[in-house]
Amino acid sequence: MEYSRILLNSLKKWYFKGKVLVITGARQVGKTTMLSSLHTDQSSVLWLNADLTNVRNQLTDPTLTDLADLIGTKKFVVIDEIQRIENPGLLLKLMVDNFKQTQFIATGSSALEISEKIFEPLTGRHLLFHLYPFSLAEIYADKSNFELEQELPFHLIYGSYPTISQNRDDAEILLKNLTSQYLYKDVLVWKDIRKPELLEKLLQLLAHQICSEVSIHELALNLRVKSETVENYIDLLEKSFVVYRLKSYSTNARKEVTKMQKILFWDNGIRNAIIDDFRPLSNRNDVGNLWENFIIGERMKMINWTERSIKSFFWRDLQQSEVDYIEIEKNKLAGYEIKWNTLKKHKISRAFTNSYPDAKTQVITPSNLKPFCFFNK
């Protein structure tokens, strides 16, 4: 079954406005499938897969005549894995400047390589979009909150990658294969990492610390490397769409944590595959962290896809009072506690409400997740 991707709405409104649309996202999140669904008339689309040697050769230093012969009368040109091409930014600049009637779309699996090779030559000529694994709003667009609750155990354990969500009986095998191919092959190749065992140990440490504050210094001591090395590896993992950082929010350095960060995984399934733990929720002691990682990720996907100007943080004061998730939109502050247990009565930290009396506050549990995750519906 195919699901409509929310990002499509943003893409469509930029067609034929003189911009190259650059779509980044990890392998297997569905970039090619999404673009295929955009175009009902496939005869108007030229698909070029830069993973193929002959395609890369054809797109290396082409003349305008070469490109004209290649593009012909196509209305759309889609180049998959654009970072595999030599001088891709100059190629796209040549295309968009000389073929005004054609919409060019480029996809890539590494924001790191995309930014290094494409953005400078394309200054003012491109728009960047990100595709993440499925969101609940895409898979269960018409489901009630109660129906969504019944699906959570699967997604908290196995995540939401398209191939995983659509092949649930083989989810564990597919996830292990995806993780080994993606993390320990693609990510390592991108920056020629010479110590893959270090990356693996770092990922395992981060996986065990999801939704907890992370100290780069402590990670470095544990791994017996420099803090700078840990920072570089985490930066690589961020730009490879494995993890993302949630920084602390503070307006009072004397009372609040200002420099700590949390590192969350974009997909619960990838996290669980890293530590090889697919036990059911009833047998786990990390359910609260799994829920927090999952639901914040859902929110972050929707913020990106609906182009909302929202900044995200967490909050903690020096007396250890904490709020799991903080948002700022149009100078308005909101604080959210993310709790799995729907039977227990939860409250927002009084220290937070005293410090920020005008902030909107809410506790998010499985019983009221839909408005939080479907806010564009």
Protein backbone atom coordinates (compact mmCIF):
# COMPACT_ATOMS: atom_id res chain seq x y z
CA MET A 1 0.00 0.00 0.00
CA GLU A 2 1.28 3.46 -0.89
CA TYR A 3 0.77 6.45 1.36
CA SER A 4 0.58 10.11 0.37
CA ARG A 5 3.63 11.99 1.62
CA ILE A 6 2.97 15.32 3.28
CA LEU A 7 6.10 16.86 1.78
CA LEU A 8 4.46 16.67 -1.66
CA ASN A 9 2.34 19.73 -0.88
CA SER A 10 5.46 21.85 -0.40
CA LEU A 11 7.14 20.50 -3.53
CA LYS A 12 4.23 21.11 -5.88
CA LYS A 13 3.90 24.80 -5.11
CA TRP A 14 7.49 25.41 -6.24
CA TYR A 15 7.22 23.76 -9.64
CA PHE A 16 8.43 25.85 -12.59
CA LYS A 17 9.56 28.84 -10.54
CA GLY A 18 13.19 28.71 -11.62
CA LYS A 19 14.42 26.65 -8.66
CA VAL A 20 16.14 23.28 -8.44
CA LEU A 21 14.29 21.28 -5.78
CA VAL A 22 16.84 19.36 -3.70
CA ILE A 23 15.42 16.55 -1.55
CA THR A 24 17.64 14.98 1.08
CA GLY A 25 16.89 12.01 3.29
CA ALA A 26 18.37 8.71 4.36
CA ARG A 27 18.31 5.78 1.98
CA GLN A 28 15.04 3.83 1.96
CA VAL A 29 12.85 6.66 3.29
CA GLY A 30 10.94 6.70 0.01
CA LYS A 31 12.32 9.64 -2.00
CA THR A 32 12.02 7.91 -5.38
CA THR A 33 8.59 6.44 -4.58
CA MET A 34 7.33 9.84 -3.49
CA LEU A 35 8.54 11.54 -6.67
CA SER A 36 7.05 8.77 -8.82
CA SER A 37 3.65 9.48 -7.31
CA LEU A 38 3.95 13.16 -8.22
CA HIS A 39 3.89 12.56 -11.94
CA THR A 40 0.95 10.72 -13.45
CA ASP A 41 2.40 11.17 -16.93
CA GLN A 42 5.71 9.32 -16.64
CA SER A 43 6.52 10.05 -20.29
CA SER A 44 7.14 13.67 -19.28
CA VAL A 45 9.79 12.68 -16.72
CA LEU A 46 13.45 11.85 -17.29
CA TRP A 47 14.78 9.68 -14.44
CA LEU A 48 18.54 9.59 -13.94
CA ASN A 49 20.03 7.33 -11.25
CA ALA A 50 23.53 8.55 -10.40
CA ASP A 51 24.29 5.26 -8.64
CA LEU A 52 24.72 3.88 -12.18
CA THR A 53 28.14 4.32 -13.78
CA ASN A 54 26.81 5.09 -17.26
CA VAL A 55 24.60 7.86 -15.88
CA ARG A 56 27.50 9.41 -13.98
CA ASN A 57 29.66 9.30 -17.10
CA GLN A 58 26.94 10.93 -19.16
CA LEU A 59 26.55 13.77 -16.65
CA THR A 60 30.26 14.48 -16.20
CA ASP A 61 31.23 17.76 -17.91
CA PRO A 62 28.43 17.70 -20.52
CA THR A 63 28.08 20.45 -23.10
CA LEU A 64 24.82 22.34 -23.58
CA THR A 65 24.28 20.34 -26.75
CA ASP A 66 24.72 17.10 -24.79
CA LEU A 67 22.18 18.25 -22.21
CA ALA A 68 19.71 19.41 -24.84
CA ASP A 69 19.86 15.99 -26.51
CA LEU A 70 19.43 14.28 -23.13
CA ILE A 71 16.55 16.42 -21.82
CA GLY A 72 14.66 16.79 -25.09
CA THR A 73 11.08 17.89 -24.38
CA LYS A 74 10.87 16.44 -20.87
CA LYS A 75 9.01 18.64 -18.39
CA PHE A 76 10.76 17.10 -15.38
CA VAL A 77 14.27 15.81 -14.81
CA VAL A 78 14.87 13.82 -11.61
CA ILE A 79 18.46 12.96 -10.64
CA ASP A 80 18.70 10.38 -7.84
CA GLU A 81 21.76 10.38 -5.56
CA ILE A 82 23.06 13.60 -7.12
CA GLN A 83 26.12 13.65 -4.83
CA ARG A 84 27.60 10.71 -6.78
CA ILE A 85 28.15 12.96 -9.81
CA GLU A 86 31.33 14.98 -10.23
CA ASN A 87 30.66 18.73 -9.84
CA PRO A 88 26.89 18.27 -9.35
CA GLY A 89 26.34 21.90 -8.32
CA LEU A 90 27.79 23.22 -11.57
CA LEU A 91 25.76 20.66 -13.54
CA LEU A 92 22.49 21.76 -11.92
CA LYS A 93 23.39 25.44 -12.40
CA LEU A 94 23.96 24.78 -16.10
CA MET A 95 20.63 22.98 -16.35
CA VAL A 96 18.45 25.47 -14.47
CA ASP A 97 20.01 28.50 -16.22
CA ASN A 98 19.55 27.13 -19.74
CA PHE A 99 16.41 24.98 -19.71
CA LYS A 100 13.74 27.25 -18.29
CA GLN A 101 10.79 25.06 -19.29
CA THR A 102 12.04 22.07 -17.33
CA GLN A 103 11.70 21.44 -13.60
CA PHE A 104 14.84 19.90 -12.13
CA ILE A 105 14.69 17.78 -8.98
CA ALA A 106 17.72 16.27 -7.26
CA THR A 107 17.79 13.78 -4.41
CA GLY A 108 20.62 12.78 -2.10
CA SER A 109 21.19 10.56 0.92
CA SER A 110 23.84 12.73 2.57
CA ALA A 111 23.24 16.32 3.62
CA LEU A 112 26.98 16.52 4.21
CA GLU A 113 27.94 15.77 0.62
CA ILE A 114 25.00 17.70 -0.77
CA SER A 115 26.03 20.86 1.08
CA GLU A 116 29.69 20.51 0.12
CA LYS A 117 29.11 19.88 -3.58
CA ILE A 118 25.90 21.63 -4.55
CA PHE A 119 24.79 24.61 -2.51
CA GLU A 120 27.55 27.13 -3.30
CA PRO A 121 27.30 26.86 -7.11
CA LEU A 122 23.49 26.93 -6.79
CA THR A 123 23.24 30.03 -4.61
CA GLY A 124 19.78 31.52 -5.12
CA ARG A 125 18.75 28.76 -7.50
CA HIS A 126 17.69 25.93 -5.19
CA LEU A 127 15.29 25.03 -2.40
CA LEU A 128 16.13 22.31 0.12
CA PHE A 129 13.62 19.79 1.48
CA HIS A 130 14.01 16.80 3.78
CA LEU A 131 12.16 13.50 3.69
CA TYR A 132 12.08 11.40 6.84
CA PRO A 133 10.59 7.95 7.51
CA PHE A 134 6.79 7.74 7.49
CA SER A 135 4.86 9.79 10.02
CA LEU A 136 1.72 8.61 11.80
CA ALA A 137 -0.15 11.34 9.91
CA GLU A 138 0.81 9.67 6.62
CA ILE A 139 0.21 6.01 7.53
CA TYR A 140 -2.95 6.57 9.55
CA ALA A 141 -4.35 9.73 8.01
CA ASP A 142 -7.99 8.84 8.71
CA LYS A 143 -7.59 6.87 11.94
CA SER A 144 -8.97 7.95 15.32
CA ASN A 145 -6.73 8.53 18.32
CA PHE A 146 -7.88 5.20 19.78
CA GLU A 147 -6.90 3.39 16.58
CA LEU A 148 -3.51 5.13 16.60
CA GLU A 149 -2.88 3.90 20.14
CA GLN A 150 -3.24 0.29 19.00
CA GLU A 151 -0.45 0.78 16.43
CA LEU A 152 2.08 2.38 18.79
CA PRO A 153 3.70 -0.83 20.12
CA PHE A 154 4.88 -1.72 16.60
CA HIS A 155 6.30 1.71 15.82
CA LEU A 156 8.00 2.16 19.19
CA ILE A 157 9.93 -1.07 18.56
CA TYR A 158 10.34 -1.17 14.78
CA GLY A 159 10.03 2.46 13.73
CA SER A 160 8.47 3.82 10.56
CA TYR A 161 10.73 3.22 7.56
CA PRO A 162 8.47 2.48 4.56
CA THR A 163 9.78 -1.04 3.89
CA ILE A 164 9.46 -1.89 7.61
CA SER A 165 5.94 -0.50 7.98
CA GLN A 166 4.79 -2.39 4.89
CA ASN A 167 6.46 -5.73 5.74
CA ARG A 168 5.78 -6.13 9.44
CA ASP A 169 6.27 -9.89 9.63
CA ASP A 170 9.89 -9.43 8.53
CA ALA A 171 10.51 -6.15 10.37
CA GLU A 172 13.42 -7.33 12.53
CA ILE A 173 15.33 -8.94 9.67
CA LEU A 174 14.77 -5.95 7.39
CA LEU A 175 15.84 -3.48 10.07
CA LYS A 176 19.07 -5.32 10.80
CA ASN A 177 19.83 -5.40 7.08
CA LEU A 178 18.97 -1.71 6.64
CA THR A 179 21.09 -0.71 9.62
CA SER A 180 24.13 -2.71 8.60
CA GLN A 181 23.97 -1.50 4.99
CA TYR A 182 23.13 2.12 5.79
CA LEU A 183 25.05 2.84 8.98
CA TYR A 184 28.07 0.65 8.59
CA LYS A 185 28.51 1.09 4.86
CA ASP A 186 27.11 4.33 3.50
CA VAL A 187 27.91 6.54 6.50
CA LEU A 188 31.45 5.21 6.77
CA VAL A 189 32.14 5.68 3.06
CA TRP A 190 30.96 9.29 3.02
CA LYS A 191 33.86 10.55 5.09
CA ASP A 192 36.28 7.64 4.77
CA ILE A 193 36.07 6.86 8.50
CA ARG A 194 39.03 4.73 9.43
CA LYS A 195 37.68 3.49 12.76
CA PRO A 196 34.23 1.99 12.11
CA GLU A 197 34.31 0.27 15.50
CA LEU A 198 34.43 3.72 17.12
CA LEU A 199 31.34 4.83 15.24
CA GLU A 200 29.57 1.63 16.28
CA LYS A 201 30.45 2.13 19.96
CA LEU A 202 29.36 5.77 19.81
CA LEU A 203 26.03 4.80 18.28
CA GLN A 204 25.47 2.21 20.98
CA LEU A 205 26.21 4.75 23.71
CA LEU A 206 23.82 7.26 22.11
CA ALA A 207 21.17 4.56 21.70
CA HIS A 208 21.33 3.74 25.41
CA GLN A 209 21.08 7.44 26.28
CA ILE A 210 18.13 8.51 24.12
CA CYS A 211 16.14 11.30 25.72
CA SER A 212 18.79 11.75 28.42
CA GLU A 213 21.21 14.63 28.54
CA VAL A 214 24.44 13.79 26.74
CA SER A 215 27.89 15.04 27.69
CA ILE A 216 30.36 15.09 24.81
CA HIS A 217 33.21 15.07 27.34
CA GLU A 218 31.89 11.92 29.03
CA LEU A 219 31.37 10.20 25.69
CA ALA A 220 34.93 11.04 24.73
CA LEU A 221 36.28 9.65 28.01
CA ASN A 222 34.26 6.47 27.56
CA LEU A 223 35.50 6.03 24.00
CA ARG A 224 39.05 7.16 24.83
CA VAL A 225 39.16 9.75 22.09
CA LYS A 226 39.18 13.55 21.92
CA SER A 227 35.93 15.47 22.41
CA GLU A 228 36.48 16.99 18.96
CA THR A 229 36.38 13.50 17.43
CA VAL A 230 33.06 12.74 19.12
CA GLU A 231 31.65 16.08 17.93
CA ASN A 232 32.72 15.32 14.36
CA TYR A 233 31.14 11.87 14.42
CA ILE A 234 27.87 13.17 15.85
CA ASP A 235 27.85 15.90 13.21
CA LEU A 236 28.26 13.22 10.55
CA LEU A 237 25.42 11.17 12.04
CA GLU A 238 23.20 14.26 12.07
CA LYS A 239 23.92 15.04 8.43
CA SER A 240 23.30 11.40 7.56
CA PHE A 241 19.83 11.60 9.16
CA VAL A 242 20.51 9.03 11.89
CA VAL A 243 20.23 11.37 14.89
CA TYR A 244 19.43 14.98 15.73
CA ARG A 245 20.18 17.24 18.67
CA LEU A 246 17.74 18.84 21.05
CA LYS A 247 19.43 21.75 22.82
CA SER A 248 18.50 23.20 26.19
CA TYR A 249 16.30 26.30 26.41
CA SER A 250 17.31 29.01 28.84
CA THR A 251 16.80 32.69 29.52
CA ASN A 252 18.49 32.60 32.93
CA ALA A 253 22.00 31.19 32.98
CA ARG A 254 22.17 31.41 36.79
CA LYS A 255 19.21 29.08 37.29
CA GLU A 256 18.84 26.99 34.13
CA VAL A 257 20.93 24.51 32.19
CA THR A 258 22.34 26.29 29.16
CA LYS A 259 24.88 24.05 27.42
CA MET A 260 23.57 20.48 27.68
CA GLN A 261 21.89 18.62 24.83
CA LYS A 262 19.88 15.52 24.14
CA ILE A 263 20.54 13.38 21.09
CA LEU A 264 17.51 11.61 19.65
CA PHE A 265 17.15 9.11 16.82
CA TRP A 266 15.00 9.89 13.80
CA ASP A 267 13.73 6.31 13.86
CA ASN A 268 13.06 4.03 16.83
CA GLY A 269 13.69 0.93 14.73
CA ILE A 270 17.20 2.06 13.80
CA ARG A 271 17.90 2.77 17.47
CA ASN A 272 16.71 -0.65 18.57
CA ALA A 273 18.63 -2.37 15.78
CA ILE A 274 21.85 -0.70 16.94
CA ILE A 275 21.52 -2.31 20.38
CA ASP A 276 19.82 -5.44 18.97
CA ASP A 277 16.81 -5.11 21.26
CA PHE A 278 13.42 -5.91 19.77
CA ARG A 279 11.73 -7.14 22.93
CA PRO A 280 8.03 -6.26 23.28
CA LEU A 281 7.12 -3.24 25.38
CA SER A 282 5.91 -5.43 28.25
CA ASN A 283 9.46 -6.75 28.74
CA ARG A 284 11.33 -3.44 28.58
CA ASN A 285 12.40 -0.78 31.05
CA ASP A 286 12.98 1.91 28.41
CA VAL A 287 9.39 2.35 27.24
CA GLY A 288 9.22 5.95 28.49
CA ASN A 289 12.33 6.88 26.51
CA LEU A 290 11.09 5.05 23.42
CA TRP A 291 7.82 6.96 23.59
CA GLU A 292 9.54 10.32 24.09
CA ASN A 293 12.00 9.69 21.23
CA PHE A 294 9.18 8.59 18.94
CA ILE A 295 6.66 11.32 19.64
CA ILE A 296 9.16 14.20 19.50
CA GLY A 297 10.40 12.80 16.19
CA GLU A 298 6.81 12.77 14.90
CA ARG A 299 6.44 16.41 15.85
CA MET A 300 9.76 17.37 14.27
CA LYS A 301 8.81 15.71 10.97
CA MET A 302 5.58 17.68 10.79
CA ILE A 303 7.32 20.95 11.65
CA ASN A 304 9.72 20.43 8.75
CA TRP A 305 7.14 19.24 6.24
CA THR A 306 4.60 21.97 6.94
CA GLU A 307 7.29 24.69 6.94
CA ARG A 308 6.36 26.01 10.37
CA SER A 309 8.87 28.41 11.96
CA ILE A 310 9.14 26.48 15.22
CA LYS A 311 12.31 26.08 17.27
CA SER A 312 12.57 23.01 19.50
CA PHE A 313 14.37 22.50 22.82
CA PHE A 314 14.14 20.79 26.21
CA TRP A 315 14.30 22.59 29.58
CA ARG A 316 15.93 21.86 32.92
CA ASP A 317 16.90 24.05 35.84
CA LEU A 318 19.83 23.55 38.18
CA GLN A 319 17.55 21.89 40.76
CA GLN A 320 16.81 19.12 38.23
CA SER A 321 13.24 20.18 37.39
CA GLU A 322 12.68 19.37 33.73
CA VAL A 323 10.28 19.71 30.82
CA ASP A 324 10.73 17.11 28.08
CA TYR A 325 10.04 19.28 25.05
CA ILE A 326 9.88 23.03 24.45
CA GLU A 327 8.74 24.97 21.39
CA ILE A 328 8.96 28.60 20.39
CA GLU A 329 6.79 29.90 17.56
CA LYS A 330 6.31 33.59 16.87
CA ASN A 331 7.83 34.43 20.28
CA LYS A 332 5.26 32.22 22.02
CA LEU A 333 6.57 29.51 24.34
CA ALA A 334 5.05 26.06 24.88
CA GLY A 335 6.18 23.27 27.17
CA TYR A 336 5.24 19.59 26.82
CA GLU A 337 5.74 16.62 29.11
CA ILE A 338 5.83 13.35 27.14
CA LYS A 339 4.47 10.46 29.25
CA TRP A 340 3.63 6.88 28.26
CA ASN A 341 1.46 6.00 31.26
CA THR A 342 -2.08 7.22 30.60
CA LEU A 343 -3.40 6.13 34.01
CA LYS A 344 -1.08 8.24 36.13
CA LYS A 345 -1.82 11.93 36.63
CA HIS A 346 1.06 13.98 35.23
CA LYS A 347 1.88 17.63 35.76
CA ILE A 348 4.17 20.17 34.16
CA SER A 349 7.04 21.26 36.41
CA ARG A 350 5.98 24.09 38.70
CA ALA A 351 9.48 25.50 38.42
CA PHE A 352 8.89 25.91 34.68
CA THR A 353 5.43 27.49 35.01
CA ASN A 354 6.75 29.86 37.69
CA SER A 355 9.62 30.89 35.43
CA TYR A 356 7.42 31.14 32.31
CA PRO A 357 3.85 31.87 33.47
CA ASP A 358 2.68 32.82 29.97
CA ALA A 359 3.82 29.56 28.38
CA LYS A 360 1.27 27.11 27.05
CA THR A 361 1.71 23.73 28.77
CA GLN A 362 0.40 20.25 28.04
CA VAL A 363 1.08 16.61 28.89
CA ILE A 364 1.21 14.37 25.81
CA THR A 365 0.27 10.71 26.29
CA PRO A 366 -0.94 8.05 23.83
CA SER A 367 -4.51 9.07 24.63
CA ASN A 368 -4.11 12.59 23.19
CA LEU A 369 -1.29 12.20 20.68
CA LYS A 370 -3.22 12.97 17.49
CA PRO A 371 -3.49 16.79 17.72
CA PHE A 372 0.20 16.94 18.66
CA CYS A 373 1.28 14.83 15.68
CA PHE A 374 -1.36 15.81 13.10
CA PHE A 375 -1.33 19.58 13.61
CA ASN A 376 -1.69 20.31 9.91
CA LYS A 377 -4.83 18.20 9.57
